[in-house]
Structures are given as structure tokens and as C-alpha cells.
Amino acid sequence: GKGSFDDGDPETTNLYVGNLAPSVTEAQLSELFGKYGRIESVKIMWPRTEEERARRRNCGFVSFGSRDDADDAKHAMHDFEIDGL
């Protein structure tokens, strides 16, 4: 899936990661984003309803230890594709 970002809070260390294929795991996100700094947490928002499952796309959040690391990851990973999706 392709990631996107929100510049709403200039101090946040959380990155929104959207359009994730259902096969993408939190471990994969941690490995991919971990190249850019210390990760505090990774959370994929798994679908809870039939409508959400029908979209066949998930989203999640990656939380970094510092804003600079989050910025580096945001710029490097924007439009990055995982698993060719």
C-alpha cells in the first residue's frame, strides 16, 4: 500500500500509514520504518466490519521516538509501495 501523511501537528512523532494491503503486518511496518529511527509503537487498524473488510485496505500508525526521525521516514516512505500494492 501507499502511505500518506498529515502535516496538522508539527510536533507529532506519529505517522499515518494508509492504503495497506491486508497482508501487511505490524512487524513488516516496524522493519521498514525502523531504518529511520527508534520506533515506539506500530499499530494497524484491523477492519471490524464487513464494509471495512470489503475495502481490502487497512491503515495504521507508526510512532517514532523523535520528530526528526518521523520526518525522515515521512519523506522517504511517502508513495512507497509494500508488496507491489
PDB file of N, CA and C in Angstrom:
ATOM      1  N   GLY A   1       0.806  -1.186   0.000  1.00  0.00           N
ATOM      2  CA  GLY A   1       0.000   0.000   0.000  1.00  0.00           C
ATOM      3  C   GLY A   1       0.840   1.237   0.000  1.00  0.00           C
ATOM      4  N   LYS A   2       0.289   2.308  -0.424  1.00  0.00           N
ATOM      5  CA  LYS A   2       0.988   3.591  -0.422  1.00  0.00           C
ATOM      6  C   LYS A   2       0.666   4.344   0.858  1.00  0.00           C
ATOM      7  N   GLY A   3       1.669   4.981   1.409  1.00  0.00           N
ATOM      8  CA  GLY A   3       1.480   5.759   2.624  1.00  0.00           C
ATOM      9  C   GLY A   3       1.124   7.196   2.300  1.00  0.00           C
ATOM     10  N   SER A   4       0.613   7.885   3.298  1.00  0.00           N
ATOM     11  CA  SER A   4       0.333   9.306   3.164  1.00  0.00           C
ATOM     12  C   SER A   4       0.613   9.949   4.511  1.00  0.00           C
ATOM     13  N   PHE A   5       0.550  11.252   4.570  1.00  0.00           N
ATOM     14  CA  PHE A   5       0.845  11.907   5.830  1.00  0.00           C
ATOM     15  C   PHE A   5       0.001  13.149   6.022  1.00  0.00           C
ATOM     16  N   ASP A   6      -0.071  13.561   7.281  1.00  0.00           N
ATOM     17  CA  ASP A   6      -0.849  14.727   7.691  1.00  0.00           C
ATOM     18  C   ASP A   6       0.094  15.688   8.383  1.00  0.00           C
ATOM     19  N   ASP A   7       0.193  16.903   7.889  1.00  0.00           N
ATOM     20  CA  ASP A   7       1.083  17.895   8.482  1.00  0.00           C
ATOM     21  C   ASP A   7       0.384  18.725   9.556  1.00  0.00           C
ATOM     22  N   GLY A   8      -0.744  18.253  10.078  1.00  0.00           N
ATOM     23  CA  GLY A   8      -1.537  19.028  11.016  1.00  0.00           C
ATOM     24  C   GLY A   8      -0.843  19.379  12.312  1.00  0.00           C
ATOM     25  N   ASP A   9      -0.053  18.477  12.897  1.00  0.00           N
ATOM     26  CA  ASP A   9       0.623  18.725  14.161  1.00  0.00           C
ATOM     27  C   ASP A   9       2.125  18.671  13.932  1.00  0.00           C
ATOM     28  N   PRO A  10       2.796  19.825  13.958  1.00  0.00           N
ATOM     29  CA  PRO A  10       4.229  19.845  13.638  1.00  0.00           C
ATOM     30  C   PRO A  10       5.094  19.158  14.689  1.00  0.00           C
ATOM     31  N   GLU A  11       4.545  18.836  15.850  1.00  0.00           N
ATOM     32  CA  GLU A  11       5.334  18.205  16.913  1.00  0.00           C
ATOM     33  C   GLU A  11       5.122  16.699  17.021  1.00  0.00           C
ATOM     34  N   THR A  12       4.145  16.170  16.299  1.00  0.00           N
ATOM     35  CA  THR A  12       3.826  14.752  16.471  1.00  0.00           C
ATOM     36  C   THR A  12       4.968  13.856  15.993  1.00  0.00           C
ATOM     37  N   THR A  13       5.081  12.717  16.646  1.00  0.00           N
ATOM     38  CA  THR A  13       6.038  11.695  16.215  1.00  0.00           C
ATOM     39  C   THR A  13       5.305  10.519  15.590  1.00  0.00           C
ATOM     40  N   ASN A  14       3.984  10.662  15.413  1.00  0.00           N
ATOM     41  CA  ASN A  14       3.162   9.608  14.814  1.00  0.00           C
ATOM     42  C   ASN A  14       2.994   9.836  13.322  1.00  0.00           C
ATOM     43  N   LEU A  15       3.144   8.775  12.565  1.00  0.00           N
ATOM     44  CA  LEU A  15       2.885   8.832  11.132  1.00  0.00           C
ATOM     45  C   LEU A  15       1.667   7.973  10.814  1.00  0.00           C
ATOM     46  N   TYR A  16       0.772   8.519  10.021  1.00  0.00           N
ATOM     47  CA  TYR A  16      -0.351   7.754   9.490  1.00  0.00           C
ATOM     48  C   TYR A  16       0.142   7.018   8.257  1.00  0.00           C
ATOM     49  N   VAL A  17      -0.181   5.739   8.164  1.00  0.00           N
ATOM     50  CA  VAL A  17       0.189   4.930   7.002  1.00  0.00           C
ATOM     51  C   VAL A  17      -1.108   4.375   6.431  1.00  0.00           C
ATOM     52  N   GLY A  18      -1.423   4.768   5.214  1.00  0.00           N
ATOM     53  CA  GLY A  18      -2.696   4.379   4.629  1.00  0.00           C
ATOM     54  C   GLY A  18      -2.570   3.425   3.466  1.00  0.00           C
ATOM     55  N   ASN A  19      -3.718   2.914   3.052  1.00  0.00           N
ATOM     56  CA  ASN A  19      -3.829   2.074   1.867  1.00  0.00           C
ATOM     57  C   ASN A  19      -2.979   0.809   1.968  1.00  0.00           C
ATOM     58  N   LEU A  20      -2.959   0.206   3.155  1.00  0.00           N
ATOM     59  CA  LEU A  20      -2.173  -1.006   3.365  1.00  0.00           C
ATOM     60  C   LEU A  20      -2.949  -2.235   2.889  1.00  0.00           C
ATOM     61  N   ALA A  21      -2.254  -3.108   2.185  1.00  0.00           N
ATOM     62  CA  ALA A  21      -2.858  -4.391   1.809  1.00  0.00           C
ATOM     63  C   ALA A  21      -3.126  -5.192   3.082  1.00  0.00           C
ATOM     64  N   PRO A  22      -4.174  -6.011   3.091  1.00  0.00           N
ATOM     65  CA  PRO A  22      -4.486  -6.809   4.278  1.00  0.00           C
ATOM     66  C   PRO A  22      -3.345  -7.743   4.694  1.00  0.00           C
ATOM     67  N   SER A  23      -2.450  -8.055   3.772  1.00  0.00           N
ATOM     68  CA  SER A  23      -1.346  -8.972   4.088  1.00  0.00           C
ATOM     69  C   SER A  23      -0.200  -8.288   4.843  1.00  0.00           C
ATOM     70  N   VAL A  24      -0.173  -6.966   4.881  1.00  0.00           N
ATOM     71  CA  VAL A  24       0.910  -6.241   5.553  1.00  0.00           C
ATOM     72  C   VAL A  24       0.739  -6.374   7.065  1.00  0.00           C
ATOM     73  N   THR A  25       1.853  -6.689   7.753  1.00  0.00           N
ATOM     74  CA  THR A  25       1.802  -6.888   9.203  1.00  0.00           C
ATOM     75  C   THR A  25       2.484  -5.737   9.944  1.00  0.00           C
ATOM     76  N   GLU A  26       2.211  -5.672  11.244  1.00  0.00           N
ATOM     77  CA  GLU A  26       2.874  -4.673  12.075  1.00  0.00           C
ATOM     78  C   GLU A  26       4.380  -4.912  12.102  1.00  0.00           C
ATOM     79  N   ALA A  27       4.793  -6.165  12.077  1.00  0.00           N
ATOM     80  CA  ALA A  27       6.229  -6.485  12.060  1.00  0.00           C
ATOM     81  C   ALA A  27       6.888  -5.941  10.789  1.00  0.00           C
ATOM     82  N   GLN A  28       6.215  -6.064   9.647  1.00  0.00           N
ATOM     83  CA  GLN A  28       6.764  -5.526   8.393  1.00  0.00           C
ATOM     84  C   GLN A  28       6.902  -4.007   8.474  1.00  0.00           C
ATOM     85  N   LEU A  29       5.883  -3.345   8.983  1.00  0.00           N
ATOM     86  CA  LEU A  29       5.952  -1.889   9.106  1.00  0.00           C
ATOM     87  C   LEU A  29       7.077  -1.482  10.044  1.00  0.00           C
ATOM     88  N   SER A  30       7.230  -2.192  11.136  1.00  0.00           N
ATOM     89  CA  SER A  30       8.287  -1.894  12.095  1.00  0.00           C
ATOM     90  C   SER A  30       9.660  -2.037  11.446  1.00  0.00           C
ATOM     91  N   GLU A  31       9.830  -3.081  10.660  1.00  0.00           N
ATOM     92  CA  GLU A  31      11.111  -3.302   9.982  1.00  0.00           C
ATOM     93  C   GLU A  31      11.377  -2.205   8.946  1.00  0.00           C
ATOM     94  N   LEU A  32      10.365  -1.887   8.134  1.00  0.00           N
ATOM     95  CA  LEU A  32      10.532  -0.874   7.093  1.00  0.00           C
ATOM     96  C   LEU A  32      10.819   0.511   7.669  1.00  0.00           C
ATOM     97  N   PHE A  33      10.029   0.918   8.648  1.00  0.00           N
ATOM     98  CA  PHE A  33      10.168   2.256   9.197  1.00  0.00           C
ATOM     99  C   PHE A  33      11.303   2.355  10.209  1.00  0.00           C
ATOM    100  N   GLY A  34      11.716   1.224  10.771  1.00  0.00           N
ATOM    101  CA  GLY A  34      12.794   1.214  11.759  1.00  0.00           C
ATOM    102  C   GLY A  34      14.129   1.680  11.213  1.00  0.00           C
ATOM    103  N   LYS A  35      14.266   1.704   9.896  1.00  0.00           N
ATOM    104  CA  LYS A  35      15.500   2.201   9.271  1.00  0.00           C
ATOM    105  C   LYS A  35      15.710   3.683   9.554  1.00  0.00           C
ATOM    106  N   TYR A  36      14.656   4.379   9.937  1.00  0.00           N
ATOM    107  CA  TYR A  36      14.714   5.832  10.078  1.00  0.00           C
ATOM    108  C   TYR A  36      14.817   6.294  11.521  1.00  0.00           C
ATOM    109  N   GLY A  37      14.814   5.352  12.471  1.00  0.00           N
ATOM    110  CA  GLY A  37      14.967   5.735  13.869  1.00  0.00           C
ATOM    111  C   GLY A  37      14.251   4.779  14.799  1.00  0.00           C
ATOM    112  N   ARG A  38      14.327   5.098  16.088  1.00  0.00           N
ATOM    113  CA  ARG A  38      13.718   4.248  17.114  1.00  0.00           C
ATOM    114  C   ARG A  38      12.199   4.349  17.037  1.00  0.00           C
ATOM    115  N   ILE A  39      11.578   3.174  16.977  1.00  0.00           N
ATOM    116  CA  ILE A  39      10.117   3.097  16.894  1.00  0.00           C
ATOM    117  C   ILE A  39       9.568   2.829  18.290  1.00  0.00           C
ATOM    118  N   GLU A  40       8.586   3.619  18.671  1.00  0.00           N
ATOM    119  CA  GLU A  40       7.920   3.417  19.959  1.00  0.00           C
ATOM    120  C   GLU A  40       6.793   2.394  19.828  1.00  0.00           C
ATOM    121  N   SER A  41       6.031   2.486  18.745  1.00  0.00           N
ATOM    122  CA  SER A  41       4.922   1.544  18.546  1.00  0.00           C
ATOM    123  C   SER A  41       4.480   1.534  17.095  1.00  0.00           C
ATOM    124  N   VAL A  42       3.861   0.431  16.713  1.00  0.00           N
ATOM    125  CA  VAL A  42       3.263   0.266  15.388  1.00  0.00           C
ATOM    126  C   VAL A  42       1.880  -0.333  15.610  1.00  0.00           C
ATOM    127  N   LYS A  43       0.883   0.254  14.982  1.00  0.00           N
ATOM    128  CA  LYS A  43      -0.483  -0.257  15.151  1.00  0.00           C
ATOM    129  C   LYS A  43      -1.206  -0.233  13.808  1.00  0.00           C
ATOM    130  N   ILE A  44      -1.646  -1.389  13.364  1.00  0.00           N
ATOM    131  CA  ILE A  44      -2.515  -1.471  12.185  1.00  0.00           C
ATOM    132  C   ILE A  44      -3.948  -1.509  12.685  1.00  0.00           C
ATOM    133  N   MET A  45      -4.782  -0.702  12.075  1.00  0.00           N
ATOM    134  CA  MET A  45      -6.193  -0.664  12.436  1.00  0.00           C
ATOM    135  C   MET A  45      -6.905  -1.736  11.608  1.00  0.00           C
ATOM    136  N   TRP A  46      -7.084  -2.898  12.219  1.00  0.00           N
ATOM    137  CA  TRP A  46      -7.685  -4.025  11.504  1.00  0.00           C
ATOM    138  C   TRP A  46      -9.175  -3.783  11.296  1.00  0.00           C
ATOM    139  N   PRO A  47      -9.716  -4.208  10.156  1.00  0.00           N
ATOM    140  CA  PRO A  47     -11.147  -3.989   9.873  1.00  0.00           C
ATOM    141  C   PRO A  47     -12.031  -4.702  10.893  1.00  0.00           C
ATOM    142  N   ARG A  48     -13.098  -4.022  11.304  1.00  0.00           N
ATOM    143  CA  ARG A  48     -14.017  -4.592  12.281  1.00  0.00           C
ATOM    144  C   ARG A  48     -15.385  -4.895  11.691  1.00  0.00           C
ATOM    145  N   THR A  49     -15.676  -4.327  10.540  1.00  0.00           N
ATOM    146  CA  THR A  49     -16.992  -4.550   9.943  1.00  0.00           C
ATOM    147  C   THR A  49     -16.832  -5.144   8.551  1.00  0.00           C
ATOM    148  N   GLU A  50     -17.919  -5.679   8.029  1.00  0.00           N
ATOM    149  CA  GLU A  50     -17.892  -6.222   6.664  1.00  0.00           C
ATOM    150  C   GLU A  50     -17.554  -5.126   5.656  1.00  0.00           C
ATOM    151  N   GLU A  51     -18.071  -3.931   5.884  1.00  0.00           N
ATOM    152  CA  GLU A  51     -17.780  -2.824   4.977  1.00  0.00           C
ATOM    153  C   GLU A  51     -16.283  -2.507   4.955  1.00  0.00           C
ATOM    154  N   GLU A  52     -15.657  -2.471   6.123  1.00  0.00           N
ATOM    155  CA  GLU A  52     -14.215  -2.219   6.180  1.00  0.00           C
ATOM    156  C   GLU A  52     -13.432  -3.351   5.521  1.00  0.00           C
ATOM    157  N   ARG A  53     -13.840  -4.598   5.747  1.00  0.00           N
ATOM    158  CA  ARG A  53     -13.154  -5.738   5.117  1.00  0.00           C
ATOM    159  C   ARG A  53     -13.323  -5.701   3.594  1.00  0.00           C
ATOM    160  N   ALA A  54     -14.460  -5.239   3.130  1.00  0.00           N
ATOM    161  CA  ALA A  54     -14.731  -5.199   1.683  1.00  0.00           C
ATOM    162  C   ALA A  54     -13.810  -4.209   0.968  1.00  0.00           C
ATOM    163  N   ARG A  55     -13.321  -3.214   1.672  1.00  0.00           N
ATOM    164  CA  ARG A  55     -12.392  -2.239   1.054  1.00  0.00           C
ATOM    165  C   ARG A  55     -11.056  -2.864   0.704  1.00  0.00           C
ATOM    166  N   ARG A  56     -10.702  -3.939   1.406  1.00  0.00           N
ATOM    167  CA  ARG A  56      -9.445  -4.656   1.174  1.00  0.00           C
ATOM    168  C   ARG A  56      -8.226  -3.764   1.360  1.00  0.00           C
ATOM    169  N   ARG A  57      -8.351  -2.765   2.216  1.00  0.00           N
ATOM    170  CA  ARG A  57      -7.235  -1.885   2.540  1.00  0.00           C
ATOM    171  C   ARG A  57      -7.321  -1.538   4.021  1.00  0.00           C
ATOM    172  N   ASN A  58      -6.161  -1.496   4.669  1.00  0.00           N
ATOM    173  CA  ASN A  58      -6.097  -1.119   6.072  1.00  0.00           C
ATOM    174  C   ASN A  58      -5.275   0.160   6.202  1.00  0.00           C
ATOM    175  N   CYS A  59      -5.262   0.705   7.400  1.00  0.00           N
ATOM    176  CA  CYS A  59      -4.394   1.842   7.694  1.00  0.00           C
ATOM    177  C   CYS A  59      -3.761   1.588   9.049  1.00  0.00           C
ATOM    178  N   GLY A  60      -2.782   2.399   9.375  1.00  0.00           N
ATOM    179  CA  GLY A  60      -2.122   2.213  10.653  1.00  0.00           C
ATOM    180  C   GLY A  60      -1.323   3.439  11.047  1.00  0.00           C
ATOM    181  N   PHE A  61      -0.613   3.300  12.152  1.00  0.00           N
ATOM    182  CA  PHE A  61       0.197   4.385  12.683  1.00  0.00           C
ATOM    183  C   PHE A  61       1.543   3.839  13.123  1.00  0.00           C
ATOM    184  N   VAL A  62       2.592   4.600  12.836  1.00  0.00           N
ATOM    185  CA  VAL A  62       3.932   4.287  13.306  1.00  0.00           C
ATOM    186  C   VAL A  62       4.363   5.458  14.182  1.00  0.00           C
ATOM    187  N   SER A  63       4.729   5.158  15.421  1.00  0.00           N
ATOM    188  CA  SER A  63       5.143   6.198  16.361  1.00  0.00           C
ATOM    189  C   SER A  63       6.650   6.108  16.581  1.00  0.00           C
ATOM    190  N   PHE A  64       7.331   7.216  16.340  1.00  0.00           N
ATOM    191  CA  PHE A  64       8.782   7.291  16.489  1.00  0.00           C
ATOM    192  C   PHE A  64       9.168   7.916  17.823  1.00  0.00           C
ATOM    193  N   GLY A  65      10.421   7.720  18.218  1.00  0.00           N
ATOM    194  CA  GLY A  65      10.940   8.326  19.438  1.00  0.00           C
ATOM    195  C   GLY A  65      11.222   9.801  19.285  1.00  0.00           C
ATOM    196  N   SER A  66      11.429  10.278  18.051  1.00  0.00           N
ATOM    197  CA  SER A  66      11.710  11.703  17.840  1.00  0.00           C
ATOM    198  C   SER A  66      11.023  12.220  16.592  1.00  0.00           C
ATOM    199  N   ARG A  67      10.749  13.511  16.593  1.00  0.00           N
ATOM    200  CA  ARG A  67      10.117  14.157  15.441  1.00  0.00           C
ATOM    201  C   ARG A  67      11.020  14.112  14.215  1.00  0.00           C
ATOM    202  N   ASP A  68      12.314  14.305  14.399  1.00  0.00           N
ATOM    203  CA  ASP A  68      13.236  14.271  13.253  1.00  0.00           C
ATOM    204  C   ASP A  68      13.197  12.921  12.555  1.00  0.00           C
ATOM    205  N   ASP A  69      13.171  11.843  13.329  1.00  0.00           N
ATOM    206  CA  ASP A  69      13.095  10.503  12.728  1.00  0.00           C
ATOM    207  C   ASP A  69      11.772  10.319  11.991  1.00  0.00           C
ATOM    208  N   ALA A  70      10.689  10.817  12.593  1.00  0.00           N
ATOM    209  CA  ALA A  70       9.382  10.716  11.937  1.00  0.00           C
ATOM    210  C   ALA A  70       9.388  11.487  10.618  1.00  0.00           C
ATOM    211  N   ASP A  71       9.986  12.678  10.614  1.00  0.00           N
ATOM    212  CA  ASP A  71      10.076  13.469   9.379  1.00  0.00           C
ATOM    213  C   ASP A  71      10.883  12.744   8.316  1.00  0.00           C
ATOM    214  N   ASP A  72      12.024  12.180   8.723  1.00  0.00           N
ATOM    215  CA  ASP A  72      12.856  11.440   7.762  1.00  0.00           C
ATOM    216  C   ASP A  72      12.059  10.301   7.135  1.00  0.00           C
ATOM    217  N   ALA A  73      11.362   9.558   7.959  1.00  0.00           N
ATOM    218  CA  ALA A  73      10.574   8.422   7.463  1.00  0.00           C
ATOM    219  C   ALA A  73       9.437   8.902   6.577  1.00  0.00           C
ATOM    220  N   LYS A  74       8.783   9.973   6.979  1.00  0.00           N
ATOM    221  CA  LYS A  74       7.646  10.501   6.209  1.00  0.00           C
ATOM    222  C   LYS A  74       8.085  10.844   4.789  1.00  0.00           C
ATOM    223  N   HIS A  75       9.206  11.536   4.684  1.00  0.00           N
ATOM    224  CA  HIS A  75       9.660  11.956   3.352  1.00  0.00           C
ATOM    225  C   HIS A  75      10.199  10.788   2.534  1.00  0.00           C
ATOM    226  N   ALA A  76      10.859   9.852   3.182  1.00  0.00           N
ATOM    227  CA  ALA A  76      11.427   8.711   2.463  1.00  0.00           C
ATOM    228  C   ALA A  76      10.355   7.709   2.037  1.00  0.00           C
ATOM    229  N   MET A  77       9.333   7.540   2.862  1.00  0.00           N
ATOM    230  CA  MET A  77       8.355   6.482   2.620  1.00  0.00           C
ATOM    231  C   MET A  77       7.092   6.955   1.907  1.00  0.00           C
ATOM    232  N   HIS A  78       6.941   8.258   1.712  1.00  0.00           N
ATOM    233  CA  HIS A  78       5.753   8.753   1.008  1.00  0.00           C
ATOM    234  C   HIS A  78       5.717   8.148  -0.391  1.00  0.00           C
ATOM    235  N   ASP A  79       4.612   7.552  -0.739  1.00  0.00           N
ATOM    236  CA  ASP A  79       4.400   6.866  -2.030  1.00  0.00           C
ATOM    237  C   ASP A  79       5.174   5.561  -2.160  1.00  0.00           C
ATOM    238  N   PHE A  80       5.787   5.110  -1.079  1.00  0.00           N
ATOM    239  CA  PHE A  80       6.475   3.809  -1.100  1.00  0.00           C
ATOM    240  C   PHE A  80       5.429   2.704  -1.191  1.00  0.00           C
ATOM    241  N   GLU A  81       5.735   1.664  -1.962  1.00  0.00           N
ATOM    242  CA  GLU A  81       4.803   0.560  -2.116  1.00  0.00           C
ATOM    243  C   GLU A  81       5.346  -0.685  -1.443  1.00  0.00           C
ATOM    244  N   ILE A  82       4.495  -1.339  -0.660  1.00  0.00           N
ATOM    245  CA  ILE A  82       4.847  -2.594   0.010  1.00  0.00           C
ATOM    246  C   ILE A  82       4.142  -3.721  -0.738  1.00  0.00           C
ATOM    247  N   ASP A  83       4.873  -4.759  -1.005  1.00  0.00           N
ATOM    248  CA  ASP A  83       4.309  -5.932  -1.693  1.00  0.00           C
ATOM    249  C   ASP A  83       3.735  -5.573  -3.060  1.00  0.00           C
ATOM    250  N   GLY A  84       4.247  -4.514  -3.678  1.00  0.00           N
ATOM    251  CA  GLY A  84       3.810  -4.146  -5.016  1.00  0.00           C
ATOM    252  C   GLY A  84       2.389  -3.673  -5.093  1.00  0.00           C
ATOM    253  N   LEU A  85       1.793  -3.299  -3.951  1.00  0.00           N
ATOM    254  CA  LEU A  85       0.387  -2.862  -3.945  1.00  0.00           C
ATOM    255  C   LEU A  85       0.299  -1.387  -3.687  1.00  0.00           C
TER     256      LEU A  85
END
